[in-house]
N, C-alpha and C. Protein backbone atom coordinates (compact mmCIF):
# COMPACT_ATOMS: atom_id res chain seq x y z
N MET A 1 107.24 81.36 83.50
CA MET A 1 106.59 82.20 84.40
C MET A 1 107.60 83.71 84.13
N ARG A 2 106.80 84.94 83.90
CA ARG A 2 107.94 85.49 84.15
C ARG A 2 107.86 86.44 85.39
N ARG A 3 109.01 86.27 85.81
CA ARG A 3 109.07 86.72 87.60
C ARG A 3 110.60 87.44 87.50
N ALA A 4 110.07 89.19 88.06
CA ALA A 4 111.00 89.97 88.14
C ALA A 4 111.16 90.55 89.45
N ILE A 5 112.29 90.97 89.70
CA ILE A 5 112.59 91.33 90.63
C ILE A 5 112.67 92.97 91.32
N TYR A 6 112.41 93.53 92.03
CA TYR A 6 112.68 94.80 92.59
C TYR A 6 112.77 94.94 93.62
N PRO A 7 114.73 95.31 93.72
CA PRO A 7 115.00 95.60 94.88
C PRO A 7 115.25 96.52 95.35
N GLY A 8 115.40 96.97 96.59
CA GLY A 8 115.51 98.47 97.06
C GLY A 8 115.38 98.25 98.71
N THR A 9 115.91 99.26 99.37
CA THR A 9 115.65 99.54 101.18
C THR A 9 114.32 100.08 101.31
N PHE A 10 113.69 100.84 100.32
CA PHE A 10 112.15 101.42 100.90
C PHE A 10 112.20 101.77 102.20
N ASP A 11 113.09 102.60 102.32
CA ASP A 11 113.27 103.50 103.99
C ASP A 11 112.22 104.78 103.78
N PRO A 12 111.24 104.92 103.57
CA PRO A 12 110.08 104.04 103.54
C PRO A 12 109.39 103.86 102.37
N ILE A 13 108.55 103.28 101.84
CA ILE A 13 108.21 102.84 100.85
C ILE A 13 107.18 104.10 100.02
N THR A 14 107.25 104.53 99.05
CA THR A 14 106.38 105.72 98.97
C THR A 14 105.29 105.44 97.70
N ASN A 15 105.03 106.41 97.46
CA ASN A 15 104.09 106.42 96.06
C ASN A 15 104.64 106.27 94.69
N GLY A 16 106.09 106.58 94.54
CA GLY A 16 106.80 106.47 93.71
C GLY A 16 107.10 104.91 93.59
N HIS A 17 107.76 104.36 94.60
CA HIS A 17 108.14 102.78 94.19
C HIS A 17 106.74 102.02 94.21
N LEU A 18 105.35 102.46 94.67
CA LEU A 18 104.14 101.96 94.52
C LEU A 18 103.50 102.19 93.17
N ASP A 19 103.88 103.19 92.48
CA ASP A 19 103.98 103.42 91.11
C ASP A 19 104.47 102.38 90.20
N ILE A 20 106.04 102.22 90.36
CA ILE A 20 106.51 101.23 89.87
C ILE A 20 106.13 99.51 89.85
N ILE A 21 105.93 99.49 91.12
CA ILE A 21 105.49 98.11 91.41
C ILE A 21 104.00 97.96 90.46
N LYS A 22 103.03 98.62 90.64
CA LYS A 22 101.86 98.23 89.79
C LYS A 22 102.05 98.34 88.44
N ARG A 23 102.98 99.22 87.89
CA ARG A 23 103.31 99.28 86.35
C ARG A 23 103.93 97.93 86.18
N ALA A 24 105.03 97.58 87.13
CA ALA A 24 105.44 96.66 86.69
C ALA A 24 104.90 94.98 86.63
N TYR A 25 103.78 95.07 87.74
CA TYR A 25 102.69 94.31 88.01
C TYR A 25 102.03 93.61 86.57
N ARG A 26 101.62 94.66 86.01
CA ARG A 26 101.00 94.52 84.75
C ARG A 26 101.78 93.82 83.72
N MET A 27 103.19 93.80 83.53
CA MET A 27 104.09 93.27 82.70
C MET A 27 104.63 91.64 83.05
N PHE A 28 104.54 91.24 84.28
CA PHE A 28 105.16 90.20 84.82
C PHE A 28 104.18 89.24 85.48
N ASP A 29 104.38 87.96 85.75
CA ASP A 29 103.45 87.28 86.13
C ASP A 29 103.52 87.28 87.98
N GLU A 30 104.97 87.69 88.02
CA GLU A 30 105.26 87.63 89.53
C GLU A 30 106.21 88.55 89.87
N ILE A 31 105.92 89.64 90.56
CA ILE A 31 107.11 90.62 91.37
C ILE A 31 107.65 90.42 92.41
N ILE A 32 109.11 90.22 92.78
CA ILE A 32 109.54 89.61 94.14
C ILE A 32 110.27 91.16 94.43
N ILE A 33 109.42 91.91 95.30
CA ILE A 33 110.31 92.68 96.38
C ILE A 33 111.13 92.39 97.11
N ALA A 34 112.28 92.73 96.93
CA ALA A 34 113.61 92.61 97.43
C ALA A 34 114.25 93.36 98.33
N ILE A 35 113.76 93.31 99.70
CA ILE A 35 114.05 94.37 100.69
C ILE A 35 115.64 94.22 101.02
N ALA A 36 116.21 95.30 101.00
CA ALA A 36 117.75 94.89 100.99
C ALA A 36 118.02 95.52 102.78
N GLU A 37 118.96 95.06 103.32
CA GLU A 37 118.83 94.79 104.92
C GLU A 37 119.54 96.59 104.91
N SER A 38 120.61 96.56 104.26
CA SER A 38 121.23 97.99 103.88
C SER A 38 121.55 98.57 105.18
N GLU A 39 122.32 97.97 106.30
CA GLU A 39 122.66 98.13 107.61
C GLU A 39 123.99 99.50 107.16
N ALA A 40 124.47 99.49 106.30
CA ALA A 40 125.66 100.77 105.85
C ALA A 40 124.81 102.13 105.69
N LYS A 41 123.42 102.02 105.07
CA LYS A 41 122.70 103.25 104.93
C LYS A 41 122.57 103.51 106.28
N LYS A 42 122.28 103.04 107.12
CA LYS A 42 121.62 103.26 108.20
C LYS A 42 120.26 103.78 108.29
N PRO A 43 119.30 102.98 107.83
CA PRO A 43 117.96 102.96 107.84
C PRO A 43 116.99 103.59 108.50
N MET A 44 116.33 104.53 108.39
CA MET A 44 115.53 105.20 109.87
C MET A 44 114.81 104.20 110.26
N PHE A 45 113.58 102.89 109.47
CA PHE A 45 113.06 102.34 109.80
C PHE A 45 113.66 100.56 109.65
N SER A 46 113.35 99.83 110.71
CA SER A 46 113.87 98.25 110.59
C SER A 46 113.61 97.92 109.45
N LEU A 47 114.52 96.63 109.16
CA LEU A 47 114.35 95.74 108.12
C LEU A 47 112.63 95.14 108.18
N THR A 48 112.62 94.94 109.69
CA THR A 48 110.95 94.35 109.98
C THR A 48 109.91 95.47 109.88
N GLN A 49 110.29 96.50 110.10
CA GLN A 49 109.03 97.30 109.86
C GLN A 49 108.83 98.18 108.32
N ARG A 50 110.15 98.03 107.45
CA ARG A 50 109.91 97.87 106.02
C ARG A 50 109.44 96.74 105.33
N VAL A 51 109.72 95.55 105.89
CA VAL A 51 108.68 94.69 105.39
C VAL A 51 107.02 94.69 105.74
N LYS A 52 106.99 94.92 106.94
CA LYS A 52 105.53 95.26 106.82
C LYS A 52 104.85 96.28 106.31
N MET A 53 105.75 97.52 105.82
CA MET A 53 104.85 98.46 105.25
C MET A 53 104.68 98.29 103.76
N VAL A 54 105.53 97.47 102.83
CA VAL A 54 105.67 96.95 101.41
C VAL A 54 104.41 96.13 101.56
N GLU A 55 104.67 95.00 102.65
CA GLU A 55 103.52 93.97 102.38
C GLU A 55 102.24 94.64 102.77
N ALA A 56 101.80 95.29 103.56
CA ALA A 56 100.55 96.20 103.76
C ALA A 56 100.01 96.95 102.64
N VAL A 57 100.96 97.60 102.01
CA VAL A 57 100.89 98.30 100.92
C VAL A 57 100.33 97.38 99.66
N THR A 58 101.14 96.26 99.21
CA THR A 58 100.62 95.52 97.93
C THR A 58 99.93 94.56 98.40
N SER A 59 99.23 94.45 99.82
CA SER A 59 98.39 93.35 100.20
C SER A 59 97.36 92.89 98.82
N ASP A 60 97.01 93.69 98.34
CA ASP A 60 95.99 93.62 97.18
C ASP A 60 96.24 93.06 96.24
N LEU A 61 97.48 92.74 95.55
CA LEU A 61 98.50 92.32 94.56
C LEU A 61 99.04 91.15 94.83
N PRO A 62 98.09 90.24 94.58
CA PRO A 62 98.30 88.93 94.70
C PRO A 62 99.55 88.19 94.39
N ASN A 63 99.89 88.43 93.23
CA ASN A 63 101.16 87.73 92.36
C ASN A 63 102.69 88.92 92.87
N VAL A 64 102.48 89.72 93.99
CA VAL A 64 103.40 90.23 94.83
C VAL A 64 103.87 89.73 96.13
N LYS A 65 105.57 89.34 95.74
CA LYS A 65 105.67 88.53 97.19
C LYS A 65 107.14 89.58 97.58
N VAL A 66 106.94 89.65 99.06
CA VAL A 66 107.85 90.52 99.69
C VAL A 66 108.55 89.53 100.30
N ILE A 67 110.09 90.02 99.94
CA ILE A 67 111.41 88.86 100.94
C ILE A 67 112.33 90.01 101.40
N LYS A 68 112.94 89.73 102.23
CA LYS A 68 114.20 90.31 102.49
C LYS A 68 115.42 89.51 102.18
N PHE A 69 116.72 90.71 102.29
CA PHE A 69 117.98 89.81 101.45
C PHE A 69 119.24 90.66 102.31
N ASN A 70 120.23 90.15 102.14
CA ASN A 70 121.32 90.83 102.34
C ASN A 70 122.53 89.98 101.90
N ASN A 71 122.40 89.78 100.19
CA ASN A 71 123.13 89.31 99.50
C ASN A 71 123.43 90.19 98.02
N LEU A 72 124.41 89.37 97.30
CA LEU A 72 124.60 90.00 96.29
C LEU A 72 123.11 89.79 95.16
N LEU A 73 122.73 91.03 94.25
CA LEU A 73 121.70 90.91 93.77
C LEU A 73 121.63 89.54 92.85
N VAL A 74 122.71 89.59 92.16
CA VAL A 74 122.82 88.38 91.11
C VAL A 74 122.62 86.93 91.97
N ASN A 75 122.92 86.56 93.04
CA ASN A 75 123.19 85.51 93.54
C ASN A 75 121.55 85.52 94.02
N LEU A 76 121.18 86.57 94.46
CA LEU A 76 119.41 86.42 94.88
C LEU A 76 118.68 85.92 93.58
N SER A 77 118.96 86.47 92.31
CA SER A 77 118.17 86.38 91.15
C SER A 77 118.52 84.60 90.68
N ASP A 78 119.89 84.00 90.99
CA ASP A 78 119.71 82.62 90.65
C ASP A 78 118.96 81.58 92.18
N GLU A 79 119.01 82.15 93.14
CA GLU A 79 117.82 81.53 94.01
C GLU A 79 116.92 81.58 94.02
N LEU A 80 116.11 82.58 93.27
CA LEU A 80 114.45 83.12 93.01
C LEU A 80 114.49 82.69 91.30
N ASP A 81 115.19 81.98 90.69
CA ASP A 81 115.27 81.78 88.93
C ASP A 81 114.23 83.15 88.53
N ALA A 82 115.05 84.01 88.78
CA ALA A 82 114.41 85.36 88.06
C ALA A 82 115.54 86.33 87.67
N ASN A 83 115.29 86.32 86.16
CA ASN A 83 116.54 87.05 85.43
C ASN A 83 116.31 88.81 85.14
N ILE A 84 115.10 89.40 85.58
CA ILE A 84 114.94 90.32 85.60
C ILE A 84 114.92 91.32 86.81
N ILE A 85 115.50 92.45 86.56
CA ILE A 85 115.68 93.27 87.66
C ILE A 85 114.95 94.41 87.04
N ILE A 86 113.84 95.12 88.04
CA ILE A 86 113.23 96.32 87.80
C ILE A 86 114.04 97.63 88.51
N ARG A 87 114.04 98.31 88.19
CA ARG A 87 114.41 99.42 88.77
C ARG A 87 113.86 101.03 88.53
N GLY A 88 113.77 101.52 89.06
CA GLY A 88 112.94 102.98 88.86
C GLY A 88 114.21 104.24 88.61
N LEU A 89 113.96 105.46 88.15
CA LEU A 89 114.74 106.37 87.52
C LEU A 89 113.65 107.32 87.53
N ARG A 90 114.10 108.33 88.43
CA ARG A 90 113.38 109.84 88.43
C ARG A 90 113.90 111.04 87.72
N ALA A 91 115.06 110.90 87.75
CA ALA A 91 116.27 111.95 87.26
C ALA A 91 117.39 111.28 86.59
N VAL A 92 118.23 112.56 85.60
CA VAL A 92 119.38 111.82 85.02
C VAL A 92 120.53 111.35 86.26
N SER A 93 120.20 112.06 87.45
CA SER A 93 121.36 111.35 88.63
C SER A 93 121.26 109.94 88.87
N ASP A 94 120.12 109.26 88.69
CA ASP A 94 119.37 108.24 89.29
C ASP A 94 119.84 107.32 87.45
N PHE A 95 119.98 107.87 86.58
CA PHE A 95 120.43 106.82 85.41
C PHE A 95 121.90 106.85 85.59
N GLU A 96 122.68 107.92 86.09
CA GLU A 96 123.96 107.29 85.98
C GLU A 96 124.48 106.44 86.59
N TYR A 97 124.24 106.14 87.89
CA TYR A 97 123.99 105.22 89.22
C TYR A 97 123.00 103.95 88.66
N GLU A 98 122.02 103.66 88.56
CA GLU A 98 121.68 102.53 87.90
C GLU A 98 122.02 102.50 86.52
N LEU A 99 122.60 102.69 85.54
CA LEU A 99 123.45 102.47 84.96
C LEU A 99 124.87 101.52 85.20
N GLN A 100 125.36 101.90 86.10
CA GLN A 100 126.33 101.46 86.40
C GLN A 100 126.36 100.57 87.36
N MET A 101 125.11 100.01 88.04
CA MET A 101 124.64 98.85 88.64
C MET A 101 124.39 97.94 87.88
N GLY A 102 123.41 98.54 86.80
CA GLY A 102 123.01 97.25 85.76
C GLY A 102 124.22 96.84 85.34
N TYR A 103 125.28 97.72 84.64
CA TYR A 103 126.17 96.92 83.97
C TYR A 103 127.23 96.20 84.64
N ALA A 104 127.32 96.44 85.98
CA ALA A 104 128.25 95.46 87.40
C ALA A 104 127.41 93.93 87.09
N ASN A 105 126.07 94.20 87.29
CA ASN A 105 125.11 92.95 87.64
C ASN A 105 125.42 91.67 86.35
N ALA A 106 125.17 93.02 85.34
CA ALA A 106 125.14 92.00 83.69
C ALA A 106 126.61 91.50 83.82
N SER A 107 128.17 92.17 84.39
CA SER A 107 129.42 91.62 84.20
C SER A 107 129.29 90.32 85.20
N LEU A 108 128.59 90.32 86.01
CA LEU A 108 128.54 89.06 87.20
C LEU A 108 127.60 87.77 86.48
N LYS A 109 126.77 88.37 85.56
CA LYS A 109 125.45 87.17 84.98
C LYS A 109 124.91 87.49 83.77
N LYS A 110 125.38 87.42 83.00
CA LYS A 110 125.11 87.71 81.41
C LYS A 110 123.54 87.95 81.42
N GLU A 111 122.80 86.73 81.98
CA GLU A 111 121.42 86.50 81.41
C GLU A 111 120.52 87.41 82.11
N LEU A 112 121.09 88.39 83.17
CA LEU A 112 120.41 89.35 83.99
C LEU A 112 120.17 90.56 83.34
N GLU A 113 118.89 90.88 83.51
CA GLU A 113 118.35 92.07 82.60
C GLU A 113 118.02 93.13 83.42
N THR A 114 118.06 94.36 83.25
CA THR A 114 117.80 95.28 83.70
C THR A 114 116.65 96.09 83.35
N ILE A 115 115.12 96.68 83.68
CA ILE A 115 114.69 97.22 82.95
C ILE A 115 114.03 98.31 83.92
N TYR A 116 114.47 99.72 83.14
CA TYR A 116 114.13 100.62 84.00
C TYR A 116 113.02 101.45 83.76
N LEU A 117 112.26 101.87 84.84
CA LEU A 117 110.94 102.44 84.75
C LEU A 117 110.62 103.66 85.28
N MET A 118 110.14 104.25 84.57
CA MET A 118 110.17 105.78 85.18
C MET A 118 108.77 106.28 85.81
N PRO A 119 108.69 106.74 87.44
CA PRO A 119 107.46 106.73 88.03
C PRO A 119 106.23 108.05 87.23
N SER A 120 105.07 107.63 87.58
CA SER A 120 104.50 108.79 86.95
C SER A 120 104.58 110.43 87.30
N LEU A 121 104.42 110.99 86.45
CA LEU A 121 105.11 112.28 86.34
C LEU A 121 104.52 113.24 88.19
N GLU A 122 103.91 112.63 88.73
CA GLU A 122 103.43 113.33 89.79
C GLU A 122 104.10 112.75 90.75
N HIS A 123 104.60 111.68 90.69
CA HIS A 123 105.76 111.14 91.58
C HIS A 123 107.31 111.20 91.25
N ALA A 124 107.40 111.71 90.56
CA ALA A 124 108.91 111.97 89.91
C ALA A 124 110.05 112.54 91.09
N PHE A 125 109.34 113.03 91.65
CA PHE A 125 110.00 113.91 92.83
C PHE A 125 110.20 113.63 94.07
N VAL A 126 109.38 112.18 94.19
CA VAL A 126 109.36 111.45 95.29
C VAL A 126 110.36 110.36 95.86
N SER A 127 111.33 110.92 96.79
CA SER A 127 112.17 109.53 97.00
C SER A 127 112.13 109.58 98.53
N SER A 128 112.77 108.45 98.87
CA SER A 128 112.57 107.92 100.58
C SER A 128 113.38 108.97 101.41
N SER A 129 114.25 109.32 100.82
CA SER A 129 115.17 110.40 101.40
C SER A 129 114.45 111.43 101.66
N VAL A 130 113.77 111.82 100.49
CA VAL A 130 112.68 113.26 100.68
C VAL A 130 111.91 113.04 102.00
N VAL A 131 111.33 111.48 102.06
CA VAL A 131 110.28 111.45 102.95
C VAL A 131 110.80 111.33 104.44
N ARG A 132 112.26 110.96 104.49
CA ARG A 132 112.93 111.15 105.74
C ARG A 132 113.26 112.19 106.35
N THR A 133 113.24 113.11 105.53
CA THR A 133 114.12 114.65 106.06
C THR A 133 112.89 115.01 106.46
N ILE A 134 111.94 115.09 105.47
CA ILE A 134 110.36 116.05 106.20
C ILE A 134 110.07 115.03 107.47
N LEU A 135 110.10 113.44 107.72
CA LEU A 135 109.77 113.11 108.77
C LEU A 135 110.47 113.57 110.03
N ASN A 136 111.96 113.62 109.93
CA ASN A 136 112.89 114.29 110.71
C ASN A 136 112.23 115.65 111.48
N PHE A 137 111.46 116.45 110.48
CA PHE A 137 111.16 117.73 111.13
C PHE A 137 109.98 117.90 111.17
N ASP A 138 109.18 116.49 111.82
CA ASP A 138 107.86 116.82 111.99
C ASP A 138 106.75 117.10 110.79
N GLY A 139 107.32 117.36 109.50
CA GLY A 139 106.33 117.25 108.43
C GLY A 139 105.35 116.52 108.03
N LYS A 140 104.39 117.21 106.98
CA LYS A 140 103.47 115.82 106.65
C LYS A 140 103.99 115.18 105.48
N VAL A 141 103.82 114.06 105.50
CA VAL A 141 104.40 113.41 104.10
C VAL A 141 102.83 112.05 103.77
N GLU A 142 101.70 112.76 104.00
CA GLU A 142 100.49 112.05 103.58
C GLU A 142 100.21 111.94 102.13
N HIS A 143 100.89 112.86 101.55
CA HIS A 143 101.16 112.95 99.73
C HIS A 143 102.09 112.28 99.28
N LEU A 144 103.32 112.00 100.26
CA LEU A 144 104.17 111.00 99.81
C LEU A 144 104.18 109.65 99.79
N VAL A 145 103.64 109.27 100.32
CA VAL A 145 103.32 107.15 101.02
C VAL A 145 102.29 107.09 100.97
N PRO A 146 101.86 105.93 100.51
CA PRO A 146 100.57 105.13 100.50
C PRO A 146 99.94 104.75 102.01
N PRO A 147 98.45 105.14 102.01
CA PRO A 147 97.85 105.28 103.22
C PRO A 147 98.11 103.92 104.10
N LYS A 148 98.49 102.87 103.55
CA LYS A 148 98.77 102.08 104.66
C LYS A 148 100.50 101.74 105.37
N ALA A 149 101.12 102.60 104.74
CA ALA A 149 102.59 102.90 105.06
C ALA A 149 102.36 104.17 105.76
N LEU A 150 101.81 105.01 105.76
CA LEU A 150 101.68 105.76 106.55
C LEU A 150 101.24 105.49 108.17
N GLU A 151 100.13 104.56 108.44
CA GLU A 151 99.77 104.48 109.60
C GLU A 151 100.74 103.63 110.08
N LEU A 152 101.85 102.49 109.46
CA LEU A 152 102.73 102.37 110.15
C LEU A 152 104.12 103.08 110.40
N ILE A 153 104.16 104.14 109.25
CA ILE A 153 105.05 105.31 109.89
C ILE A 153 104.85 105.79 111.20
N LYS A 154 103.64 106.13 111.44
CA LYS A 154 103.24 107.08 112.78
C LYS A 154 103.38 105.83 113.97
N CYS A 155 103.09 104.80 113.38
CA CYS A 155 103.06 103.71 114.71
C CYS A 155 104.53 103.58 115.21
N ALA A 156 105.50 103.76 114.35
CA ALA A 156 106.98 103.57 114.20
C ALA A 156 107.92 104.77 114.61
N TYR A 157 107.32 105.85 114.35
CA TYR A 157 107.50 107.03 114.28
C TYR A 157 107.18 107.92 115.58
């Protein structure tokens, strides 16, 4: 079975994230979306809220599993028997950070492969931090997040 992990904070999940999930879904038998606790980042939404958003958005994808985690990604990959990590790249600045993380993970576990996917052009500028900034100013984010996530964002925010 080809199983891949798509880790992140998903604070909140965006159309860019969903684009990556759907494209990875066509490549692998199972996608495990691993939502990081990330208390150091002080997320806008609780871990429980983020899990509910991702579960709602991916409910029509039967081979997608949503979990939470708070440990090293290499340890999670061992627990899940998954040696493929999916990461999204929007810009050169993402590449530099993601390359460093990919090498760090590979130094801890040689079998771990990281696959980088670029979102479709229309989602290339979308990030969770952009969505959070707009939300902080009561701006509209309907075009940046999936409808099911938007419903939960409105309830939480």
